[in-house]
Amino acid sequence: MTARGLIIAAPHSGAGKTTITLAVLAALQRRGIKISAAKTGPDYIDPAFHAAMTGRAAVNLDSWAMPAALLDILAARAADSANIFVIEGVMGLFDGAPVSAGRRGATADLAAHFNLPVVLVIDVARQAQSAAAVARGFASHDPAVKIAGVVLNRTASERHRALVADAVSALGLPIFGALPRDTTITLPERHLGLVQAAEHADLTALSDRLAMVAERHLDLDAIVAAAAPLTLRARGNSSAGFLPPPGQRVALAQDRAFSFVYPHVVEAWRGAGAEVISFSPLADEAPPERADSCWLPGGYPELHADAIAAARRFAEGLRRFAATRPVHGECGGYMVLGQSIEDADGRHCAMTGLLGHSTSFAKRKLHLGYRAARVLSDSVLGAKGARVLGHEFHYASLASQGDDEAFAELRDAQGRALGNSGGRRDRVSGTFFHAIAADDS
């Protein structure tokens, strides 16, 4: 492996690190540099944009849910045959679960683990020289995390840029560029994050626009020069953390309503010899008959509830399938397995009814956090008692619990009991919990 890597991070969410990451990826790709990317933590949307900018599949790296060996395996695969490997951070650089360093899910954990330099994106829209104090604090906070340089975002004028750049440069930190306020490169968002890459009308035009912004405002040569070789520390166990395939031939729902599945999970299934067969509920397709299990991932069923409710061939085919073979739903998939979804206006759309619960957006409430699950009976995630690490991120709530058996017992990132979650009825199971990795500890 010849790739060198770096991490693009920020002091807080909303500083612009995704836009700047995509601009760097697009510009380096346009230069003919072989570039690959990863996203820190549990995120389905940003990696799809990374893949669009680089032409390569992106991966998630999560220090809370993944053992060190799995981190190394996934990073090595992502960086293989690339010249530059870019990891986009999550939240603030040091933000994560309140547990021991190295297992927090924080971007800083990956910087220390892989010994990679950090490009710090600072949003200076409401400050000037004070940005230097922010940079100083981040540069000195943890000796294991090296800040290679700073990108200033949302500068108001040339004078504003110079005030901030001079103050930061006086610390001995290089300035890798400064982006002015520019609403034309702002990516649209909805309640679970950015609008998905597949929903953009012209990703090529977006890539070109971002590349031009990077070429005009960033010192790309300095950013490339700052990259360093990856340090891989724990590659001995080649199967650590990988989830088993739910069947030999897995029917995987894939469309705009069902898109939240982690690439490393699907690749692990294929690596174990499983065949993955995609189908589209929104196109009113039933799970293929030759499959021996069906997986409904998360996504945005609430935005397509009418279409799902009208998809009779899908619902009837799923019921026939479930009579003889396992069906599992994660988050949005779990919602579709229930009786109904209530939208923000109080309108109910009937779902497949394979489980007894109902869900609602009438009173949106954010459910967010890492989860450690213990499976309560033999299931697609493993035998009874299997432990799986993952997360929840949804605004829907249970309007009705139903009377199904619970699927799993959950704990939060600190090990505190959260009670039972999800439902199981015959061969059908589901939960709001997204699985990331097996807990082999």
Protein backbone atom coordinates (compact mmCIF):
# COMPACT_ATOMS: atom_id res chain seq x y z
CA MET A 1 0.00 0.00 0.00
CA THR A 2 1.50 3.33 -1.09
CA ALA A 3 -1.24 5.77 -0.09
CA ARG A 4 -0.62 8.65 2.25
CA GLY A 5 -3.50 10.02 4.24
CA LEU A 6 -4.92 13.00 6.07
CA ILE A 7 -8.03 13.90 8.03
CA ILE A 8 -10.28 16.90 7.42
CA ALA A 9 -11.93 17.93 10.69
CA ALA A 10 -13.40 20.96 12.45
CA PRO A 11 -14.01 22.35 15.92
CA HIS A 12 -17.77 21.73 15.63
CA SER A 13 -20.54 20.54 13.33
CA GLY A 14 -21.64 22.90 10.59
CA ALA A 15 -18.18 24.40 10.01
CA GLY A 16 -18.15 23.27 6.38
CA LYS A 17 -15.91 20.21 6.55
CA THR A 18 -18.11 18.13 4.21
CA THR A 19 -18.14 20.80 1.51
CA ILE A 20 -14.39 21.32 1.80
CA THR A 21 -13.72 17.57 1.84
CA LEU A 22 -15.76 17.15 -1.34
CA ALA A 23 -14.01 20.11 -2.97
CA VAL A 24 -10.58 18.65 -2.18
CA LEU A 25 -11.62 15.21 -3.45
CA ALA A 26 -13.06 16.63 -6.67
CA ALA A 27 -10.03 18.83 -7.35
CA LEU A 28 -7.49 16.08 -6.73
CA GLN A 29 -9.50 13.67 -8.85
CA ARG A 30 -9.51 16.22 -11.67
CA ARG A 31 -5.72 16.45 -11.37
CA GLY A 32 -5.50 12.73 -12.06
CA ILE A 33 -4.47 11.83 -8.52
CA LYS A 34 -5.83 8.48 -7.35
CA ILE A 35 -7.92 9.49 -4.38
CA SER A 36 -10.01 7.47 -1.91
CA ALA A 37 -12.08 8.56 1.06
CA ALA A 38 -13.69 7.51 4.32
CA LYS A 39 -16.14 9.02 6.79
CA THR A 40 -15.67 9.00 10.54
CA GLY A 41 -18.49 7.36 12.45
CA PRO A 42 -21.99 6.23 11.54
CA ASP A 43 -23.04 8.16 8.45
CA TYR A 44 -24.75 6.83 5.33
CA ILE A 45 -24.98 10.03 3.28
CA ASP A 46 -21.50 11.59 3.17
CA PRO A 47 -19.76 8.42 1.86
CA ALA A 48 -22.07 8.42 -1.17
CA PHE A 49 -20.87 11.94 -2.00
CA HIS A 50 -17.26 10.80 -1.47
CA ALA A 51 -17.81 7.99 -3.96
CA ALA A 52 -19.32 10.41 -6.46
CA MET A 53 -16.30 12.74 -6.23
CA THR A 54 -13.63 9.99 -6.36
CA GLY A 55 -15.17 7.27 -8.50
CA ARG A 56 -14.34 4.79 -5.71
CA ALA A 57 -16.47 3.24 -2.99
CA ALA A 58 -16.05 5.02 0.33
CA VAL A 59 -16.08 3.43 3.78
CA ASN A 60 -17.02 4.28 7.36
CA LEU A 61 -14.44 4.08 10.16
CA ASP A 62 -15.82 4.07 13.70
CA SER A 63 -13.55 3.69 16.71
CA TRP A 64 -16.43 3.00 19.12
CA ALA A 65 -18.19 0.27 17.16
CA MET A 66 -15.22 -1.26 15.32
CA PRO A 67 -12.29 -3.14 16.85
CA ALA A 68 -8.84 -1.89 15.90
CA ALA A 69 -8.28 -4.81 13.54
CA LEU A 70 -11.44 -3.97 11.57
CA LEU A 71 -10.44 -0.30 11.38
CA ASP A 72 -7.10 -1.31 9.90
CA ILE A 73 -8.59 -3.78 7.43
CA LEU A 74 -11.14 -1.27 6.13
CA ALA A 75 -8.63 1.58 5.93
CA ALA A 76 -6.10 -0.60 4.13
CA ARG A 77 -8.70 -1.69 1.59
CA ALA A 78 -9.91 1.86 1.02
CA ALA A 79 -6.38 3.18 0.58
CA ASP A 80 -5.17 0.30 -1.57
CA SER A 81 -3.76 1.52 -4.91
CA ALA A 82 -4.64 5.14 -4.06
CA ASN A 83 -2.16 8.01 -3.82
CA ILE A 84 -4.08 10.01 -1.23
CA PHE A 85 -6.56 8.73 1.36
CA VAL A 86 -8.82 11.40 2.90
CA ILE A 87 -10.88 10.79 6.04
CA GLU A 88 -13.69 13.26 6.74
CA GLY A 89 -14.31 13.88 10.44
CA VAL A 90 -17.58 13.96 12.36
CA MET A 91 -18.88 16.70 14.69
CA GLY A 92 -15.96 18.41 16.42
CA LEU A 93 -12.50 16.84 16.23
CA PHE A 94 -12.55 15.58 19.83
CA ASP A 95 -16.30 14.95 20.15
CA GLY A 96 -17.46 11.42 20.90
CA ALA A 97 -18.87 9.11 23.50
CA PRO A 98 -17.77 9.81 27.12
CA VAL A 99 -15.60 6.71 27.32
CA SER A 100 -11.86 6.06 27.16
CA ALA A 101 -9.77 7.70 24.43
CA GLY A 102 -9.36 5.49 21.41
CA ARG A 103 -12.90 4.07 21.69
CA ARG A 104 -14.98 7.27 21.66
CA GLY A 105 -16.01 7.28 18.01
CA ALA A 106 -14.19 10.63 17.80
CA THR A 107 -12.25 11.82 14.77
CA ALA A 108 -9.27 12.35 17.07
CA ASP A 109 -9.24 8.61 17.79
CA LEU A 110 -8.60 7.88 14.11
CA ALA A 111 -5.93 10.59 13.88
CA ALA A 112 -4.07 8.97 16.77
CA HIS A 113 -4.69 5.38 15.65
CA PHE A 114 -3.51 5.89 12.06
CA ASN A 115 -0.98 8.61 12.98
CA LEU A 116 -2.50 10.91 10.36
CA PRO A 117 -2.28 14.74 10.25
CA VAL A 118 -5.42 16.85 10.57
CA VAL A 119 -6.48 19.73 8.34
CA LEU A 120 -8.61 21.87 10.65
CA VAL A 121 -11.54 23.74 9.06
CA ILE A 122 -12.47 26.83 11.07
CA ASP A 123 -15.70 28.71 10.36
CA VAL A 124 -14.63 32.34 10.85
CA ALA A 125 -17.94 33.94 9.87
CA ARG A 126 -18.41 35.57 13.30
CA GLN A 127 -14.83 36.08 14.45
CA ALA A 128 -11.46 37.37 13.33
CA GLN A 129 -8.22 37.05 15.36
CA SER A 130 -10.05 34.95 17.95
CA ALA A 131 -9.83 32.09 15.44
CA ALA A 132 -6.15 31.86 16.39
CA ALA A 133 -7.12 30.99 19.96
CA VAL A 134 -9.32 28.20 18.63
CA ALA A 135 -6.50 26.91 16.45
CA ARG A 136 -4.00 27.10 19.32
CA GLY A 137 -6.32 25.13 21.60
CA PHE A 138 -6.91 22.37 19.08
CA ALA A 139 -3.21 22.17 18.18
CA SER A 140 -2.15 21.70 21.81
CA HIS A 141 -5.09 19.73 23.22
CA ASP A 142 -3.77 16.20 22.55
CA PRO A 143 -0.12 15.41 21.75
CA ALA A 144 -1.26 12.34 19.78
CA VAL A 145 -3.24 14.52 17.35
CA LYS A 146 -1.21 16.69 14.98
CA ILE A 147 -2.81 19.72 13.30
CA ALA A 148 -1.00 20.05 9.97
CA GLY A 149 -2.66 23.28 8.94
CA VAL A 150 -5.86 25.29 8.81
CA VAL A 151 -8.52 26.09 6.22
CA LEU A 152 -10.53 29.24 6.92
CA ASN A 153 -14.16 29.01 5.88
CA ARG A 154 -16.77 31.70 5.22
CA THR A 155 -14.48 34.72 5.16
CA ALA A 156 -16.38 37.96 4.57
CA SER A 157 -13.74 39.94 2.68
CA GLU A 158 -10.04 40.05 1.85
CA ARG A 159 -9.42 42.19 4.92
CA HIS A 160 -11.25 39.67 7.11
CA ARG A 161 -9.24 36.81 5.59
CA ALA A 162 -5.96 38.62 6.21
CA LEU A 163 -6.80 39.41 9.85
CA VAL A 164 -7.53 35.77 10.61
CA ALA A 165 -4.72 34.31 8.51
CA ASP A 166 -2.07 36.56 10.06
CA ALA A 167 -3.18 35.64 13.59
CA VAL A 168 -3.18 31.90 12.87
CA SER A 169 0.10 31.99 10.93
CA ALA A 170 1.78 33.66 13.92
CA LEU A 171 1.25 30.38 15.79
CA GLY A 172 3.35 28.54 13.23
CA LEU A 173 0.30 26.82 11.72
CA PRO A 174 0.16 26.86 7.91
CA ILE A 175 -2.91 28.34 6.21
CA PHE A 176 -4.04 25.90 3.50
CA GLY A 177 -6.57 28.29 2.06
CA ALA A 178 -9.61 30.44 2.76
CA LEU A 179 -13.07 30.05 1.27
CA PRO A 180 -15.39 33.07 1.06
CA ARG A 181 -19.05 32.85 1.91
CA ASP A 182 -20.64 31.17 -1.10
CA THR A 183 -24.22 29.91 -1.06
CA THR A 184 -23.79 28.30 -4.48
CA ILE A 185 -21.75 25.47 -2.96
CA THR A 186 -24.02 24.92 0.03
CA LEU A 187 -25.46 21.42 -0.08
CA PRO A 188 -29.20 21.08 0.67
CA GLU A 189 -30.25 19.27 3.85
CA ARG A 190 -33.22 17.51 5.37
CA HIS A 191 -33.96 16.01 8.81
CA LEU A 192 -31.38 13.17 8.66
CA GLY A 193 -28.61 15.21 7.04
CA LEU A 194 -27.72 16.15 3.48
CA VAL A 195 -30.06 15.35 0.63
CA GLN A 196 -28.70 12.07 -0.73
CA ALA A 197 -26.17 12.10 -3.56
CA ALA A 198 -28.44 10.01 -5.79
CA GLU A 199 -31.13 12.69 -5.56
CA HIS A 200 -28.96 15.45 -7.07
CA ALA A 201 -29.82 16.14 -10.68
CA ASP A 202 -26.22 16.55 -11.89
CA LEU A 203 -23.41 15.30 -9.67
CA THR A 204 -20.89 15.95 -12.45
CA ALA A 205 -21.75 19.65 -12.44
CA LEU A 206 -21.52 19.71 -8.64
CA SER A 207 -18.12 18.02 -8.77
CA ASP A 208 -16.85 20.52 -11.35
CA ARG A 209 -18.10 23.46 -9.29
CA LEU A 210 -16.50 22.18 -6.10
CA ALA A 211 -13.23 21.43 -7.89
CA MET A 212 -13.08 24.98 -9.23
CA VAL A 213 -13.69 26.38 -5.74
CA ALA A 214 -10.83 24.27 -4.36
CA GLU A 215 -8.47 25.25 -7.16
CA ARG A 216 -9.25 28.93 -6.67
CA HIS A 217 -9.17 29.13 -2.88
CA LEU A 218 -7.11 26.21 -1.49
CA ASP A 219 -3.41 25.40 -1.62
CA LEU A 220 -3.89 21.88 -2.92
CA ASP A 221 -0.15 21.25 -3.25
CA ALA A 222 0.35 22.05 0.43
CA ILE A 223 -2.58 19.85 1.44
CA VAL A 224 -1.18 16.92 -0.56
CA ALA A 225 2.29 17.50 0.87
CA ALA A 226 0.87 17.39 4.41
CA ALA A 227 -0.43 13.84 3.96
CA ALA A 228 1.48 11.10 5.80
CA PRO A 229 1.75 7.29 5.54
CA LEU A 230 -0.96 5.34 7.36
CA THR A 231 0.14 3.49 10.46
CA LEU A 232 -1.70 0.16 10.65
CA ARG A 233 -1.43 -1.39 14.08
CA ALA A 234 -3.75 -4.36 14.39
CA ARG A 235 -4.25 -6.27 11.16
CA GLY A 236 -3.73 -9.74 12.64
CA ASN A 237 -7.38 -10.83 12.93
CA SER A 238 -8.87 -10.77 9.44
CA SER A 239 -12.44 -11.49 10.62
CA ALA A 240 -12.67 -9.23 13.68
CA GLY A 241 -15.99 -7.40 13.84
CA PHE A 242 -17.42 -8.51 10.51
CA LEU A 243 -21.14 -9.30 10.63
CA PRO A 244 -22.27 -12.67 9.26
CA PRO A 245 -24.44 -12.70 6.13
CA PRO A 246 -28.15 -13.18 6.90
CA GLY A 247 -28.34 -15.84 4.20
CA GLN A 248 -26.55 -17.38 1.23
CA ARG A 249 -28.57 -15.22 -1.19
CA VAL A 250 -29.66 -11.91 0.34
CA ALA A 251 -32.47 -9.84 -1.20
CA LEU A 252 -31.48 -6.24 -0.38
CA ALA A 253 -33.98 -3.40 -0.82
CA GLN A 254 -32.20 -0.55 -2.63
CA ASP A 255 -33.80 2.69 -3.80
CA ARG A 256 -34.42 6.23 -2.51
CA ALA A 257 -36.54 4.94 0.37
CA PHE A 258 -34.11 2.16 1.33
CA SER A 259 -30.51 3.29 0.94
CA PHE A 260 -28.92 3.23 4.40
CA VAL A 261 -26.72 0.16 4.38
CA TYR A 262 -23.03 0.28 5.26
CA PRO A 263 -20.72 -0.76 2.40
CA HIS A 264 -18.46 -2.73 4.73
CA VAL A 265 -21.44 -4.79 5.91
CA VAL A 266 -22.44 -5.77 2.37
CA GLU A 267 -18.82 -6.45 1.43
CA ALA A 268 -18.48 -8.69 4.48
CA TRP A 269 -21.51 -10.66 3.32
CA ARG A 270 -19.98 -11.07 -0.12
CA GLY A 271 -16.61 -11.94 1.40
CA ALA A 272 -18.31 -14.76 3.31
CA GLY A 273 -19.66 -16.14 0.03
CA ALA A 274 -23.14 -14.62 0.00
CA GLU A 275 -24.80 -13.28 -3.14
CA VAL A 276 -26.53 -9.90 -2.74
CA ILE A 277 -29.55 -9.35 -4.99
CA SER A 278 -30.97 -5.82 -5.10
CA PHE A 279 -34.64 -5.00 -5.60
CA SER A 280 -36.75 -1.81 -5.36
CA PRO A 281 -39.90 -1.58 -3.24
CA LEU A 282 -40.58 1.86 -4.75
CA ALA A 283 -40.71 0.19 -8.17
CA ASP A 284 -43.22 -2.25 -6.63
CA GLU A 285 -40.78 -5.14 -6.83
CA ALA A 286 -41.06 -8.11 -4.48
CA PRO A 287 -37.95 -9.72 -3.01
CA PRO A 288 -36.55 -12.15 -5.62
CA GLU A 289 -37.79 -15.70 -5.12
CA ARG A 290 -34.31 -17.20 -5.44
CA ALA A 291 -33.14 -15.32 -2.34
CA ASP A 292 -33.19 -17.08 1.03
CA SER A 293 -33.31 -13.96 3.23
CA CYS A 294 -34.49 -10.36 2.84
CA TRP A 295 -32.97 -7.20 4.34
CA LEU A 296 -34.84 -3.89 4.40
CA PRO A 297 -32.31 -1.18 5.31
CA GLY A 298 -33.01 2.28 6.66
CA GLY A 299 -33.63 5.33 4.54
CA TYR A 300 -36.54 7.69 4.04
CA PRO A 301 -39.76 5.64 3.98
CA GLU A 302 -41.56 8.61 5.55
CA LEU A 303 -40.91 10.63 2.37
CA HIS A 304 -42.31 7.84 0.20
CA ALA A 305 -45.03 6.45 2.46
CA ASP A 306 -47.78 6.82 -0.16
CA ALA A 307 -45.76 4.97 -2.79
CA ILE A 308 -44.86 2.19 -0.36
CA ALA A 309 -48.47 1.86 0.77
CA ALA A 310 -49.54 1.55 -2.89
CA ALA A 311 -46.85 -1.02 -3.75
CA ARG A 312 -49.10 -4.09 -3.61
CA ARG A 313 -46.75 -6.48 -5.42
CA PHE A 314 -43.98 -5.55 -2.98
CA ALA A 315 -46.16 -6.05 0.12
CA GLU A 316 -47.76 -9.28 -1.06
CA GLY A 317 -44.44 -10.66 -2.25
CA LEU A 318 -42.79 -9.76 1.06
CA ARG A 319 -45.55 -11.57 2.97
CA ARG A 320 -45.12 -14.70 0.84
CA PHE A 321 -41.37 -14.48 1.30
CA ALA A 322 -41.67 -14.12 5.09
CA ALA A 323 -43.79 -17.24 5.33
CA THR A 324 -40.74 -19.40 4.60
CA ARG A 325 -37.62 -17.20 4.92
CA PRO A 326 -36.22 -14.56 7.28
CA VAL A 327 -36.97 -10.86 6.74
CA HIS A 328 -35.20 -8.16 8.76
CA GLY A 329 -35.68 -4.38 8.82
CA GLU A 330 -33.36 -1.70 10.18
CA CYS A 331 -34.81 1.68 11.20
CA GLY A 332 -36.76 2.73 8.09
CA GLY A 333 -37.07 -0.93 7.12
CA TYR A 334 -38.44 -1.65 10.60
CA MET A 335 -41.01 1.11 10.13
CA VAL A 336 -42.18 -0.46 6.85
CA LEU A 337 -42.54 -3.86 8.53
CA GLY A 338 -45.02 -2.30 10.98
CA GLN A 339 -48.72 -1.57 10.69
CA SER A 340 -48.56 2.07 9.61
CA ILE A 341 -46.55 5.29 9.45
CA GLU A 342 -48.13 8.54 10.65
CA ASP A 343 -46.77 11.64 8.92
CA ALA A 344 -46.23 15.12 10.39
CA ASP A 345 -49.81 16.09 9.49
CA GLY A 346 -51.32 13.15 11.36
CA ARG A 347 -52.11 11.19 8.18
CA HIS A 348 -51.67 7.40 8.39
CA CYS A 349 -50.24 5.26 5.60
CA ALA A 350 -50.64 1.49 5.88
CA MET A 351 -47.41 -0.50 5.78
CA THR A 352 -46.80 -4.24 5.33
CA GLY A 353 -48.13 -5.31 8.75
CA LEU A 354 -45.61 -8.09 9.26
CA LEU A 355 -44.92 -6.76 12.76
CA GLY A 356 -47.38 -5.28 15.23
CA HIS A 357 -45.96 -1.82 15.93
CA SER A 358 -46.81 1.53 14.32
CA THR A 359 -44.57 4.59 13.98
CA SER A 360 -45.20 8.32 13.89
CA PHE A 361 -43.63 11.62 12.85
CA ALA A 362 -46.49 13.68 14.29
CA LYS A 363 -44.30 14.70 17.21
CA ARG A 364 -40.76 14.45 15.94
CA LYS A 365 -38.19 13.49 18.54
CA LEU A 366 -34.51 12.87 17.86
CA HIS A 367 -33.25 9.45 18.93
CA LEU A 368 -29.47 9.47 18.55
CA GLY A 369 -26.57 7.54 19.99
CA TYR A 370 -24.38 4.46 19.97
CA ARG A 371 -26.02 1.20 20.94
CA ALA A 372 -24.68 -2.15 22.15
CA ALA A 373 -27.23 -4.86 21.42
CA ARG A 374 -27.61 -8.39 22.74
CA VAL A 375 -29.81 -10.46 20.45
CA LEU A 376 -32.58 -12.20 22.41
CA SER A 377 -33.06 -15.18 20.08
CA ASP A 378 -31.42 -16.73 17.04
CA SER A 379 -31.60 -14.16 14.27
CA VAL A 380 -30.02 -12.75 11.12
CA LEU A 381 -27.51 -10.90 13.34
CA GLY A 382 -26.33 -14.06 15.03
CA ALA A 383 -27.31 -16.72 17.52
CA LYS A 384 -29.16 -15.95 20.73
CA GLY A 385 -26.90 -13.85 22.98
CA ALA A 386 -24.79 -12.48 20.09
CA ARG A 387 -23.55 -8.97 20.77
CA VAL A 388 -23.61 -6.33 18.06
CA LEU A 389 -22.46 -2.71 18.11
CA GLY A 390 -24.20 0.04 16.19
CA HIS A 391 -26.30 3.18 16.56
CA GLU A 392 -29.71 4.81 16.35
CA PHE A 393 -30.49 7.99 14.42
CA HIS A 394 -34.15 8.68 13.74
CA TYR A 395 -36.94 11.17 14.41
CA ALA A 396 -39.79 8.66 14.31
CA SER A 397 -41.23 7.24 17.52
CA LEU A 398 -43.34 4.22 18.30
CA ALA A 399 -47.00 5.22 18.25
CA SER A 400 -47.97 1.68 19.18
CA GLN A 401 -45.67 -0.98 20.62
CA GLY A 402 -47.55 -4.01 19.36
CA ASP A 403 -47.27 -7.37 21.09
CA ASP A 404 -44.33 -8.98 19.28
CA GLU A 405 -41.37 -10.51 21.10
CA ALA A 406 -38.51 -8.05 21.63
CA PHE A 407 -35.63 -8.38 19.19
CA ALA A 408 -32.67 -7.20 21.28
CA GLU A 409 -31.61 -5.78 24.62
CA LEU A 410 -29.86 -2.41 24.24
CA ARG A 411 -27.25 -0.47 26.19
CA ASP A 412 -25.83 2.97 25.41
CA ALA A 413 -22.19 3.86 24.74
CA GLN A 414 -21.40 3.86 28.46
CA GLY A 415 -23.04 0.52 29.09
CA ARG A 416 -26.21 1.84 30.69
CA ALA A 417 -29.29 -0.33 30.14
CA LEU A 418 -31.89 1.08 27.73
CA GLY A 419 -34.28 -1.85 27.82
CA ASN A 420 -35.52 -4.06 25.01
CA SER A 421 -35.90 -2.89 21.43
CA GLY A 422 -37.51 -3.92 18.19
CA GLY A 423 -39.81 -6.79 17.43
CA ARG A 424 -39.76 -10.38 16.27
CA ARG A 425 -42.64 -12.47 14.91
CA ASP A 426 -41.96 -15.88 13.40
CA ARG A 427 -39.30 -15.27 10.71
CA VAL A 428 -39.69 -11.47 10.68
CA SER A 429 -37.56 -9.14 12.82
CA GLY A 430 -36.78 -5.46 12.98
CA THR A 431 -35.41 -2.66 15.11
CA PHE A 432 -34.51 1.04 14.94
CA PHE A 433 -30.94 -0.08 15.70
CA HIS A 434 -28.40 -0.02 12.81
CA ALA A 435 -25.76 -2.76 13.08
CA ILE A 436 -22.14 -1.76 12.40
CA ALA A 437 -19.96 -4.57 13.72
CA ALA A 438 -20.01 -7.75 15.77
CA ASP A 439 -18.78 -7.31 19.35
CA ASP A 440 -16.13 -10.04 19.63
CA SER A 441 -14.70 -8.77 22.93
